Structure formats: structure tokens, C-alpha cells
Amino acid sequence: MIFVDIETVKGIGNALLGGEGLFNTKVTGPGKIWLQTMPAVALVGAIQPYIVIGN
């Protein structure tokens, strides 16, 4: 089972100047995580050539 937790960034300098925001996502557990960071429209365009339609 995979667990997802939200943690606050420690230190005001890290939170304000680190460029990552105030929170981090922590993922733990066995298994694989697939992160999709493209906008949905770009993702569709990237996989569209590989989608078979019809026979």
C-alpha cells in the first residue's frame, strides 16, 4: 500500500525563498509511483500517436 502525506516546509527561509512553496508531498511504501507533470492537453498530444482506433 502506498501512503501520501503532506508536510510543511521547515524554516521560513526555505518556505519563502526555496521556490518549492510551503508544503511538500511525501510518498512512502513499496511499489512504483508514476508522476504526470504535463498539462492534460500536452499529455493527450504526446500519447495520441500510440492510440489505435478501429481495426
Protein backbone atom coordinates (compact mmCIF):
# COMPACT_ATOMS: atom_id res chain seq x y z
CA MET A 1 0.00 0.00 0.00
CA ILE A 2 1.28 3.47 -0.86
CA PHE A 3 0.77 6.35 1.54
CA VAL A 4 0.70 10.04 0.62
CA ASP A 5 1.28 12.69 3.27
CA ILE A 6 1.60 16.47 3.16
CA GLU A 7 4.41 18.07 5.19
CA THR A 8 5.08 21.73 5.86
CA VAL A 9 8.46 23.07 4.83
CA LYS A 10 10.67 23.75 7.86
CA GLY A 11 12.33 27.16 8.12
CA ILE A 12 10.85 30.44 6.94
CA GLY A 13 13.77 30.99 4.53
CA ASN A 14 13.13 27.65 2.82
CA ALA A 15 9.41 28.30 2.64
CA LEU A 16 9.74 31.79 1.15
CA LEU A 17 12.96 31.55 -0.87
CA GLY A 18 13.18 27.87 -1.76
CA GLY A 19 10.94 28.11 -4.81
CA GLU A 20 9.00 24.99 -3.85
CA GLY A 21 6.23 26.53 -1.77
CA LEU A 22 5.08 25.91 1.78
CA PHE A 23 4.25 22.21 1.53
CA ASN A 24 5.93 19.05 0.25
CA THR A 25 4.27 15.78 -0.68
CA LYS A 26 5.78 12.69 0.92
CA VAL A 27 5.09 9.32 -0.70
CA THR A 28 6.06 6.13 1.16
CA GLY A 29 5.54 2.41 0.74
CA PRO A 30 6.50 -0.33 -1.67
CA GLY A 31 5.62 -0.05 -5.32
CA LYS A 32 6.00 2.36 -8.20
CA ILE A 33 4.79 5.93 -8.47
CA TRP A 34 4.10 7.47 -11.87
CA LEU A 35 4.13 11.25 -11.83
CA GLN A 36 2.43 13.07 -14.68
CA THR A 37 3.67 16.65 -14.81
CA MET A 38 2.49 17.67 -18.27
CA PRO A 39 -0.69 19.68 -18.73
CA ALA A 40 -3.55 17.37 -19.74
CA VAL A 41 -3.68 18.75 -23.31
CA ALA A 42 0.05 18.14 -23.81
CA LEU A 43 -0.27 14.61 -22.39
CA VAL A 44 -3.07 13.78 -24.83
CA GLY A 45 -0.99 15.11 -27.72
CA ALA A 46 2.01 13.03 -26.62
CA ILE A 47 0.14 9.71 -26.40
CA GLN A 48 -2.29 10.26 -29.30
CA PRO A 49 0.03 8.71 -31.94
CA TYR A 50 0.08 5.48 -29.93
CA ILE A 51 -3.71 5.10 -29.58
CA VAL A 52 -5.17 2.56 -32.01
CA ILE A 53 -8.67 3.35 -33.23
CA GLY A 54 -10.69 0.89 -35.26
CA ASN A 55 -9.41 -2.46 -36.51
